[in-house]
Amino acid sequence: ALMSPACMDDYDEPDTSNFLITSQESVGETNTTIYGLKNKY
């Protein structure tokens, strides 16, 4: 049982996506500042 590869790594990686609340991809390139926001709006 210890030597059998079927018993090792026999489970999928846990899905933790529901615990991540921020974007896992880039939201885009920065194109303004907080100062610029306050000026524009």
ModelCIF file with pLDDT and N, C-alpha, C, O atoms, coordinates in Angstrom:
data_MODEL
#
_entry.id   MODEL 
#
_entity.id                         1 
_entity.type                       polymer 
_entity.pdbx_number_of_molecules   1 
#
_entity_poly.entity_id                      1 
_entity_poly.type                           'polypeptide(L)' 
_entity_poly.nstd_linkage                   no 
_entity_poly.nstd_monomer                   no 
_entity_poly.pdbx_seq_one_letter_code       ALMSPACMDDYDEPDTSNFLITSQESVGETNTTIYGLKNKY 
_entity_poly.pdbx_seq_one_letter_code_can   ALMSPACMDDYDEPDTSNFLITSQESVGETNTTIYGLKNKY 
_entity_poly.pdbx_strand_id                 A 
#
loop_
_entity_poly_seq.entity_id 
_entity_poly_seq.num 
_entity_poly_seq.mon_id 
_entity_poly_seq.hetero 
1 1  ALA n 
1 2  LEU n 
1 3  MET n 
1 4  SER n 
1 5  PRO n 
1 6  ALA n 
1 7  CYS n 
1 8  MET n 
1 9  ASP n 
1 10 ASP n 
1 11 TYR n 
1 12 ASP n 
1 13 GLU n 
1 14 PRO n 
1 15 ASP n 
1 16 THR n 
1 17 SER n 
1 18 ASN n 
1 19 PHE n 
1 20 LEU n 
1 21 ILE n 
1 22 THR n 
1 23 SER n 
1 24 GLN n 
1 25 GLU n 
1 26 SER n 
1 27 VAL n 
1 28 GLY n 
1 29 GLU n 
1 30 THR n 
1 31 ASN n 
1 32 THR n 
1 33 THR n 
1 34 ILE n 
1 35 TYR n 
1 36 GLY n 
1 37 LEU n 
1 38 LYS n 
1 39 ASN n 
1 40 LYS n 
1 41 TYR n 
#
_struct_asym.id          A 
_struct_asym.entity_id   1 
#
loop_
_ma_qa_metric.id 
_ma_qa_metric.mode 
_ma_qa_metric.name 
_ma_qa_metric.software_group_id 
_ma_qa_metric.type 
1 global pLDDT . pLDDT 
2 local  pLDDT . pLDDT 
#
_ma_qa_metric_global.metric_id      1 
_ma_qa_metric_global.metric_value   76.27 
_ma_qa_metric_global.model_id       1 
_ma_qa_metric_global.ordinal_id     1 
#
loop_
_ma_qa_metric_local.label_asym_id 
_ma_qa_metric_local.label_comp_id 
_ma_qa_metric_local.label_seq_id 
_ma_qa_metric_local.metric_id 
_ma_qa_metric_local.metric_value 
_ma_qa_metric_local.model_id 
_ma_qa_metric_local.ordinal_id 
A ALA 1  2 48.00 1 1  
A LEU 2  2 48.00 1 2  
A MET 3  2 49.00 1 3  
A SER 4  2 48.00 1 4  
A PRO 5  2 49.00 1 5  
A ALA 6  2 47.00 1 6  
A CYS 7  2 47.00 1 7  
A MET 8  2 45.00 1 8  
A ASP 9  2 53.00 1 9  
A ASP 10 2 54.00 1 10 
A TYR 11 2 54.00 1 11 
A ASP 12 2 60.00 1 12 
A GLU 13 2 60.00 1 13 
A PRO 14 2 56.00 1 14 
A ASP 15 2 52.00 1 15 
A THR 16 2 51.00 1 16 
A SER 17 2 54.00 1 17 
A ASN 18 2 60.00 1 18 
A PHE 19 2 70.00 1 19 
A LEU 20 2 86.00 1 20 
A ILE 21 2 92.00 1 21 
A THR 22 2 97.00 1 22 
A SER 23 2 96.00 1 23 
A GLN 24 2 95.00 1 24 
A GLU 25 2 95.00 1 25 
A SER 26 2 97.00 1 26 
A VAL 27 2 98.00 1 27 
A GLY 28 2 97.00 1 28 
A GLU 29 2 98.00 1 29 
A THR 30 2 98.00 1 30 
A ASN 31 2 97.00 1 31 
A THR 32 2 98.00 1 32 
A THR 33 2 98.00 1 33 
A ILE 34 2 98.00 1 34 
A TYR 35 2 98.00 1 35 
A GLY 36 2 98.00 1 36 
A LEU 37 2 97.00 1 37 
A LYS 38 2 98.00 1 38 
A ASN 39 2 97.00 1 39 
A LYS 40 2 97.00 1 40 
A TYR 41 2 97.00 1 41 
#
loop_
_atom_site.group_PDB 
_atom_site.id 
_atom_site.type_symbol 
_atom_site.label_atom_id 
_atom_site.label_alt_id 
_atom_site.label_comp_id 
_atom_site.label_asym_id 
_atom_site.label_entity_id 
_atom_site.label_seq_id 
_atom_site.pdbx_PDB_ins_code 
_atom_site.Cartn_x 
_atom_site.Cartn_y 
_atom_site.Cartn_z 
_atom_site.occupancy 
_atom_site.B_iso_or_equiv 
_atom_site.pdbx_formal_charge 
_atom_site.auth_seq_id 
_atom_site.auth_comp_id 
_atom_site.auth_asym_id 
_atom_site.auth_atom_id 
_atom_site.pdbx_PDB_model_num 
ATOM 1   N N  . ALA A 1 1  ? 0.834   -1.207 0.000   1.00 48.00 ? 1  ALA A N  1 
ATOM 2   C CA . ALA A 1 1  ? 0.000   0.000  0.000   1.00 48.00 ? 1  ALA A CA 1 
ATOM 3   C C  . ALA A 1 1  ? 0.865   1.252  0.000   1.00 48.00 ? 1  ALA A C  1 
ATOM 4   O O  . ALA A 1 1  ? 0.556   2.227  -0.685  1.00 48.00 ? 1  ALA A O  1 
ATOM 5   N N  . LEU A 1 2  ? 1.969   1.224  0.783   1.00 48.00 ? 2  LEU A N  1 
ATOM 6   C CA . LEU A 1 2  ? 2.847   2.383  0.862   1.00 48.00 ? 2  LEU A CA 1 
ATOM 7   C C  . LEU A 1 2  ? 3.591   2.607  -0.446  1.00 48.00 ? 2  LEU A C  1 
ATOM 8   O O  . LEU A 1 2  ? 3.879   3.750  -0.804  1.00 48.00 ? 2  LEU A O  1 
ATOM 9   N N  . MET A 1 3  ? 3.900   1.551  -1.153  1.00 49.00 ? 3  MET A N  1 
ATOM 10  C CA . MET A 1 3  ? 4.671   1.665  -2.387  1.00 49.00 ? 3  MET A CA 1 
ATOM 11  C C  . MET A 1 3  ? 3.806   1.941  -3.603  1.00 49.00 ? 3  MET A C  1 
ATOM 12  O O  . MET A 1 3  ? 4.314   2.356  -4.645  1.00 49.00 ? 3  MET A O  1 
ATOM 13  N N  . SER A 1 4  ? 2.507   1.715  -3.483  1.00 48.00 ? 4  SER A N  1 
ATOM 14  C CA . SER A 1 4  ? 1.629   1.848  -4.651  1.00 48.00 ? 4  SER A CA 1 
ATOM 15  C C  . SER A 1 4  ? 1.424   3.321  -5.005  1.00 48.00 ? 4  SER A C  1 
ATOM 16  O O  . SER A 1 4  ? 1.009   4.089  -4.137  1.00 48.00 ? 4  SER A O  1 
ATOM 17  N N  . PRO A 1 5  ? 1.694   3.750  -6.240  1.00 49.00 ? 5  PRO A N  1 
ATOM 18  C CA . PRO A 1 5  ? 1.488   5.138  -6.649  1.00 49.00 ? 5  PRO A CA 1 
ATOM 19  C C  . PRO A 1 5  ? 0.023   5.532  -6.623  1.00 49.00 ? 5  PRO A C  1 
ATOM 20  O O  . PRO A 1 5  ? -0.305  6.715  -6.531  1.00 49.00 ? 5  PRO A O  1 
ATOM 21  N N  . ALA A 1 6  ? -0.863  4.538  -6.704  1.00 47.00 ? 6  ALA A N  1 
ATOM 22  C CA . ALA A 1 6  ? -2.296  4.855  -6.708  1.00 47.00 ? 6  ALA A CA 1 
ATOM 23  C C  . ALA A 1 6  ? -2.732  5.440  -5.378  1.00 47.00 ? 6  ALA A C  1 
ATOM 24  O O  . ALA A 1 6  ? -3.732  6.152  -5.302  1.00 47.00 ? 6  ALA A O  1 
ATOM 25  N N  . CYS A 1 7  ? -1.967  5.133  -4.315  1.00 47.00 ? 7  CYS A N  1 
ATOM 26  C CA . CYS A 1 7  ? -2.336  5.630  -2.991  1.00 47.00 ? 7  CYS A CA 1 
ATOM 27  C C  . CYS A 1 7  ? -1.676  6.958  -2.687  1.00 47.00 ? 7  CYS A C  1 
ATOM 28  O O  . CYS A 1 7  ? -1.982  7.570  -1.664  1.00 47.00 ? 7  CYS A O  1 
ATOM 29  N N  . MET A 1 8  ? -0.783  7.419  -3.540  1.00 45.00 ? 8  MET A N  1 
ATOM 30  C CA . MET A 1 8  ? -0.101  8.687  -3.326  1.00 45.00 ? 8  MET A CA 1 
ATOM 31  C C  . MET A 1 8  ? -0.703  9.747  -4.256  1.00 45.00 ? 8  MET A C  1 
ATOM 32  O O  . MET A 1 8  ? -0.973  9.475  -5.425  1.00 45.00 ? 8  MET A O  1 
ATOM 33  N N  . ASP A 1 9  ? -0.907  10.937 -3.730  1.00 53.00 ? 9  ASP A N  1 
ATOM 34  C CA . ASP A 1 9  ? -1.441  12.049 -4.524  1.00 53.00 ? 9  ASP A CA 1 
ATOM 35  C C  . ASP A 1 9  ? -2.721  11.648 -5.235  1.00 53.00 ? 9  ASP A C  1 
ATOM 36  O O  . ASP A 1 9  ? -2.933  11.979 -6.402  1.00 53.00 ? 9  ASP A O  1 
ATOM 37  N N  . ASP A 1 10 ? -3.570  10.929 -4.513  1.00 54.00 ? 10 ASP A N  1 
ATOM 38  C CA . ASP A 1 10 ? -4.770  10.379 -5.130  1.00 54.00 ? 10 ASP A CA 1 
ATOM 39  C C  . ASP A 1 10 ? -5.944  11.349 -5.091  1.00 54.00 ? 10 ASP A C  1 
ATOM 40  O O  . ASP A 1 10 ? -7.047  11.014 -5.523  1.00 54.00 ? 10 ASP A O  1 
ATOM 41  N N  . TYR A 1 11 ? -5.704  12.569 -4.565  1.00 54.00 ? 11 TYR A N  1 
ATOM 42  C CA . TYR A 1 11 ? -6.786  13.533 -4.407  1.00 54.00 ? 11 TYR A CA 1 
ATOM 43  C C  . TYR A 1 11 ? -6.506  14.791 -5.219  1.00 54.00 ? 11 TYR A C  1 
ATOM 44  O O  . TYR A 1 11 ? -5.355  15.191 -5.392  1.00 54.00 ? 11 TYR A O  1 
ATOM 45  N N  . ASP A 1 12 ? -7.568  15.405 -5.709  1.00 60.00 ? 12 ASP A N  1 
ATOM 46  C CA . ASP A 1 12 ? -7.415  16.660 -6.442  1.00 60.00 ? 12 ASP A CA 1 
ATOM 47  C C  . ASP A 1 12 ? -6.985  17.773 -5.499  1.00 60.00 ? 12 ASP A C  1 
ATOM 48  O O  . ASP A 1 12 ? -7.252  17.715 -4.299  1.00 60.00 ? 12 ASP A O  1 
ATOM 49  N N  . GLU A 1 13 ? -6.319  18.787 -6.045  1.00 60.00 ? 13 GLU A N  1 
ATOM 50  C CA . GLU A 1 13 ? -5.979  19.964 -5.241  1.00 60.00 ? 13 GLU A CA 1 
ATOM 51  C C  . GLU A 1 13 ? -7.264  20.628 -4.761  1.00 60.00 ? 13 GLU A C  1 
ATOM 52  O O  . GLU A 1 13 ? -8.221  20.732 -5.528  1.00 60.00 ? 13 GLU A O  1 
ATOM 53  N N  . PRO A 1 14 ? -7.308  21.082 -3.499  1.00 56.00 ? 14 PRO A N  1 
ATOM 54  C CA . PRO A 1 14 ? -8.531  21.723 -2.994  1.00 56.00 ? 14 PRO A CA 1 
ATOM 55  C C  . PRO A 1 14 ? -8.835  23.005 -3.756  1.00 56.00 ? 14 PRO A C  1 
ATOM 56  O O  . PRO A 1 14 ? -7.932  23.769 -4.098  1.00 56.00 ? 14 PRO A O  1 
ATOM 57  N N  . ASP A 1 15 ? -10.093 23.222 -4.010  1.00 52.00 ? 15 ASP A N  1 
ATOM 58  C CA . ASP A 1 15 ? -10.535 24.432 -4.709  1.00 52.00 ? 15 ASP A CA 1 
ATOM 59  C C  . ASP A 1 15 ? -10.718 25.546 -3.682  1.00 52.00 ? 15 ASP A C  1 
ATOM 60  O O  . ASP A 1 15 ? -11.663 25.537 -2.893  1.00 52.00 ? 15 ASP A O  1 
ATOM 61  N N  . THR A 1 16 ? -9.792  26.507 -3.709  1.00 51.00 ? 16 THR A N  1 
ATOM 62  C CA . THR A 1 16 ? -9.842  27.620 -2.748  1.00 51.00 ? 16 THR A CA 1 
ATOM 63  C C  . THR A 1 16 ? -10.364 28.905 -3.384  1.00 51.00 ? 16 THR A C  1 
ATOM 64  O O  . THR A 1 16 ? -10.288 29.970 -2.771  1.00 51.00 ? 16 THR A O  1 
ATOM 65  N N  . SER A 1 17 ? -10.890 28.821 -4.596  1.00 54.00 ? 17 SER A N  1 
ATOM 66  C CA . SER A 1 17 ? -11.293 30.029 -5.314  1.00 54.00 ? 17 SER A CA 1 
ATOM 67  C C  . SER A 1 17 ? -12.389 30.797 -4.584  1.00 54.00 ? 17 SER A C  1 
ATOM 68  O O  . SER A 1 17 ? -12.468 32.021 -4.688  1.00 54.00 ? 17 SER A O  1 
ATOM 69  N N  . ASN A 1 18 ? -13.233 30.079 -3.848  1.00 60.00 ? 18 ASN A N  1 
ATOM 70  C CA . ASN A 1 18 ? -14.320 30.766 -3.141  1.00 60.00 ? 18 ASN A CA 1 
ATOM 71  C C  . ASN A 1 18 ? -13.829 31.569 -1.954  1.00 60.00 ? 18 ASN A C  1 
ATOM 72  O O  . ASN A 1 18 ? -14.575 32.381 -1.405  1.00 60.00 ? 18 ASN A O  1 
ATOM 73  N N  . PHE A 1 19 ? -12.570 31.354 -1.544  1.00 70.00 ? 19 PHE A N  1 
ATOM 74  C CA . PHE A 1 19 ? -12.017 32.091 -0.418  1.00 70.00 ? 19 PHE A CA 1 
ATOM 75  C C  . PHE A 1 19 ? -11.259 33.334 -0.874  1.00 70.00 ? 19 PHE A C  1 
ATOM 76  O O  . PHE A 1 19 ? -10.834 34.137 -0.044  1.00 70.00 ? 19 PHE A O  1 
ATOM 77  N N  . LEU A 1 20 ? -11.090 33.498 -2.169  1.00 86.00 ? 20 LEU A N  1 
ATOM 78  C CA . LEU A 1 20 ? -10.358 34.640 -2.715  1.00 86.00 ? 20 LEU A CA 1 
ATOM 79  C C  . LEU A 1 20 ? -11.363 35.704 -3.143  1.00 86.00 ? 20 LEU A C  1 
ATOM 80  O O  . LEU A 1 20 ? -12.185 35.460 -4.026  1.00 86.00 ? 20 LEU A O  1 
ATOM 81  N N  . ILE A 1 21 ? -11.304 36.863 -2.532  1.00 92.00 ? 21 ILE A N  1 
ATOM 82  C CA . ILE A 1 21 ? -12.320 37.876 -2.829  1.00 92.00 ? 21 ILE A CA 1 
ATOM 83  C C  . ILE A 1 21 ? -11.820 38.955 -3.768  1.00 92.00 ? 21 ILE A C  1 
ATOM 84  O O  . ILE A 1 21 ? -12.603 39.800 -4.202  1.00 92.00 ? 21 ILE A O  1 
ATOM 85  N N  . THR A 1 22 ? -10.526 38.948 -4.094  1.00 97.00 ? 22 THR A N  1 
ATOM 86  C CA . THR A 1 22 ? -9.990  39.944 -5.017  1.00 97.00 ? 22 THR A CA 1 
ATOM 87  C C  . THR A 1 22 ? -9.662  39.286 -6.353  1.00 97.00 ? 22 THR A C  1 
ATOM 88  O O  . THR A 1 22 ? -9.617  38.061 -6.458  1.00 97.00 ? 22 THR A O  1 
ATOM 89  N N  . SER A 1 23 ? -9.432  40.115 -7.374  1.00 96.00 ? 23 SER A N  1 
ATOM 90  C CA . SER A 1 23 ? -9.175  39.605 -8.715  1.00 96.00 ? 23 SER A CA 1 
ATOM 91  C C  . SER A 1 23 ? -7.845  38.858 -8.759  1.00 96.00 ? 23 SER A C  1 
ATOM 92  O O  . SER A 1 23 ? -6.834  39.345 -8.252  1.00 96.00 ? 23 SER A O  1 
ATOM 93  N N  . GLN A 1 24 ? -7.852  37.673 -9.367  1.00 95.00 ? 24 GLN A N  1 
ATOM 94  C CA . GLN A 1 24 ? -6.629  36.893 -9.541  1.00 95.00 ? 24 GLN A CA 1 
ATOM 95  C C  . GLN A 1 24 ? -5.962  37.202 -10.875 1.00 95.00 ? 24 GLN A C  1 
ATOM 96  O O  . GLN A 1 24 ? -4.928  36.623 -11.208 1.00 95.00 ? 24 GLN A O  1 
ATOM 97  N N  . GLU A 1 25 ? -6.551  38.109 -11.631 1.00 95.00 ? 25 GLU A N  1 
ATOM 98  C CA . GLU A 1 25 ? -5.964  38.604 -12.875 1.00 95.00 ? 25 GLU A CA 1 
ATOM 99  C C  . GLU A 1 25 ? -5.785  40.111 -12.758 1.00 95.00 ? 25 GLU A C  1 
ATOM 100 O O  . GLU A 1 25 ? -6.400  40.749 -11.904 1.00 95.00 ? 25 GLU A O  1 
ATOM 101 N N  . SER A 1 26 ? -4.960  40.668 -13.599 1.00 97.00 ? 26 SER A N  1 
ATOM 102 C CA . SER A 1 26 ? -4.743  42.111 -13.569 1.00 97.00 ? 26 SER A CA 1 
ATOM 103 C C  . SER A 1 26 ? -6.041  42.854 -13.884 1.00 97.00 ? 26 SER A C  1 
ATOM 104 O O  . SER A 1 26 ? -6.769  42.482 -14.804 1.00 97.00 ? 26 SER A O  1 
ATOM 105 N N  . VAL A 1 27 ? -6.322  43.897 -13.118 1.00 98.00 ? 27 VAL A N  1 
ATOM 106 C CA . VAL A 1 27 ? -7.504  44.714 -13.395 1.00 98.00 ? 27 VAL A CA 1 
ATOM 107 C C  . VAL A 1 27 ? -7.185  45.817 -14.411 1.00 98.00 ? 27 VAL A C  1 
ATOM 108 O O  . VAL A 1 27 ? -8.032  46.652 -14.726 1.00 98.00 ? 27 VAL A O  1 
ATOM 109 N N  . GLY A 1 28 ? -5.946  45.801 -14.917 1.00 97.00 ? 28 GLY A N  1 
ATOM 110 C CA . GLY A 1 28 ? -5.547  46.789 -15.914 1.00 97.00 ? 28 GLY A CA 1 
ATOM 111 C C  . GLY A 1 28 ? -4.356  47.600 -15.453 1.00 97.00 ? 28 GLY A C  1 
ATOM 112 O O  . GLY A 1 28 ? -3.918  47.490 -14.307 1.00 97.00 ? 28 GLY A O  1 
ATOM 113 N N  . GLU A 1 29 ? -3.846  48.399 -16.336 1.00 98.00 ? 29 GLU A N  1 
ATOM 114 C CA . GLU A 1 29 ? -2.692  49.240 -16.028 1.00 98.00 ? 29 GLU A CA 1 
ATOM 115 C C  . GLU A 1 29 ? -3.152  50.548 -15.365 1.00 98.00 ? 29 GLU A C  1 
ATOM 116 O O  . GLU A 1 29 ? -4.148  51.149 -15.768 1.00 98.00 ? 29 GLU A O  1 
ATOM 117 N N  . THR A 1 30 ? -2.415  50.964 -14.356 1.00 98.00 ? 30 THR A N  1 
ATOM 118 C CA . THR A 1 30 ? -2.728  52.213 -13.659 1.00 98.00 ? 30 THR A CA 1 
ATOM 119 C C  . THR A 1 30 ? -2.700  53.383 -14.639 1.00 98.00 ? 30 THR A C  1 
ATOM 120 O O  . THR A 1 30 ? -1.734  53.553 -15.382 1.00 98.00 ? 30 THR A O  1 
ATOM 121 N N  . ASN A 1 31 ? -3.765  54.191 -14.639 1.00 97.00 ? 31 ASN A N  1 
ATOM 122 C CA . ASN A 1 31 ? -3.817  55.329 -15.559 1.00 97.00 ? 31 ASN A CA 1 
ATOM 123 C C  . ASN A 1 31 ? -4.188  56.644 -14.878 1.00 97.00 ? 31 ASN A C  1 
ATOM 124 O O  . ASN A 1 31 ? -4.402  57.653 -15.549 1.00 97.00 ? 31 ASN A O  1 
ATOM 125 N N  . THR A 1 32 ? -4.266  56.634 -13.542 1.00 98.00 ? 32 THR A N  1 
ATOM 126 C CA . THR A 1 32 ? -4.516  57.881 -12.825 1.00 98.00 ? 32 THR A CA 1 
ATOM 127 C C  . THR A 1 32 ? -4.016  57.731 -11.396 1.00 98.00 ? 32 THR A C  1 
ATOM 128 O O  . THR A 1 32 ? -3.522  56.672 -11.007 1.00 98.00 ? 32 THR A O  1 
ATOM 129 N N  . THR A 1 33 ? -4.150  58.793 -10.625 1.00 98.00 ? 33 THR A N  1 
ATOM 130 C CA . THR A 1 33 ? -3.768  58.804 -9.212  1.00 98.00 ? 33 THR A CA 1 
ATOM 131 C C  . THR A 1 33 ? -4.982  59.233 -8.396  1.00 98.00 ? 33 THR A C  1 
ATOM 132 O O  . THR A 1 33 ? -5.991  59.663 -8.954  1.00 98.00 ? 33 THR A O  1 
ATOM 133 N N  . ILE A 1 34 ? -4.884  59.115 -7.076  1.00 98.00 ? 34 ILE A N  1 
ATOM 134 C CA . ILE A 1 34 ? -5.973  59.601 -6.226  1.00 98.00 ? 34 ILE A CA 1 
ATOM 135 C C  . ILE A 1 34 ? -6.116  61.111 -6.402  1.00 98.00 ? 34 ILE A C  1 
ATOM 136 O O  . ILE A 1 34 ? -7.226  61.643 -6.406  1.00 98.00 ? 34 ILE A O  1 
ATOM 137 N N  . TYR A 1 35 ? -4.997  61.783 -6.545  1.00 98.00 ? 35 TYR A N  1 
ATOM 138 C CA . TYR A 1 35 ? -5.038  63.230 -6.800  1.00 98.00 ? 35 TYR A CA 1 
ATOM 139 C C  . TYR A 1 35 ? -5.741  63.514 -8.125  1.00 98.00 ? 35 TYR A C  1 
ATOM 140 O O  . TYR A 1 35 ? -6.550  64.437 -8.219  1.00 98.00 ? 35 TYR A O  1 
ATOM 141 N N  . GLY A 1 36 ? -5.427  62.711 -9.155  1.00 98.00 ? 36 GLY A N  1 
ATOM 142 C CA . GLY A 1 36 ? -6.090  62.885 -10.446 1.00 98.00 ? 36 GLY A CA 1 
ATOM 143 C C  . GLY A 1 36 ? -7.577  62.627 -10.365 1.00 98.00 ? 36 GLY A C  1 
ATOM 144 O O  . GLY A 1 36 ? -8.363  63.322 -11.010 1.00 98.00 ? 36 GLY A O  1 
ATOM 145 N N  . LEU A 1 37 ? -7.979  61.632 -9.579  1.00 97.00 ? 37 LEU A N  1 
ATOM 146 C CA . LEU A 1 37 ? -9.403  61.346 -9.378  1.00 97.00 ? 37 LEU A CA 1 
ATOM 147 C C  . LEU A 1 37 ? -10.114 62.548 -8.770  1.00 97.00 ? 37 LEU A C  1 
ATOM 148 O O  . LEU A 1 37 ? -11.184 62.949 -9.226  1.00 97.00 ? 37 LEU A O  1 
ATOM 149 N N  . LYS A 1 38 ? -9.504  63.114 -7.739  1.00 98.00 ? 38 LYS A N  1 
ATOM 150 C CA . LYS A 1 38 ? -10.137 64.236 -7.051  1.00 98.00 ? 38 LYS A CA 1 
ATOM 151 C C  . LYS A 1 38 ? -10.251 65.453 -7.966  1.00 98.00 ? 38 LYS A C  1 
ATOM 152 O O  . LYS A 1 38 ? -11.215 66.214 -7.884  1.00 98.00 ? 38 LYS A O  1 
ATOM 153 N N  . ASN A 1 39 ? -9.271  65.626 -8.827  1.00 97.00 ? 39 ASN A N  1 
ATOM 154 C CA . ASN A 1 39 ? -9.356  66.723 -9.795  1.00 97.00 ? 39 ASN A CA 1 
ATOM 155 C C  . ASN A 1 39 ? -10.476 66.480 -10.805 1.00 97.00 ? 39 ASN A C  1 
ATOM 156 O O  . ASN A 1 39 ? -11.290 67.366 -11.064 1.00 97.00 ? 39 ASN A O  1 
ATOM 157 N N  . LYS A 1 40 ? -10.512 65.276 -11.373 1.00 97.00 ? 40 LYS A N  1 
ATOM 158 C CA . LYS A 1 40 ? -11.464 64.984 -12.446 1.00 97.00 ? 40 LYS A CA 1 
ATOM 159 C C  . LYS A 1 40 ? -12.908 64.997 -11.962 1.00 97.00 ? 40 LYS A C  1 
ATOM 160 O O  . LYS A 1 40 ? -13.804 65.443 -12.678 1.00 97.00 ? 40 LYS A O  1 
ATOM 161 N N  . TYR A 1 41 ? -13.131 64.507 -10.742 1.00 97.00 ? 41 TYR A N  1 
ATOM 162 C CA . TYR A 1 41 ? -14.501 64.399 -10.222 1.00 97.00 ? 41 TYR A CA 1 
ATOM 163 C C  . TYR A 1 41 ? -14.763 65.385 -9.086  1.00 97.00 ? 41 TYR A C  1 
ATOM 164 O O  . TYR A 1 41 ? -15.866 65.421 -8.541  1.00 97.00 ? 41 TYR A O  1 
#
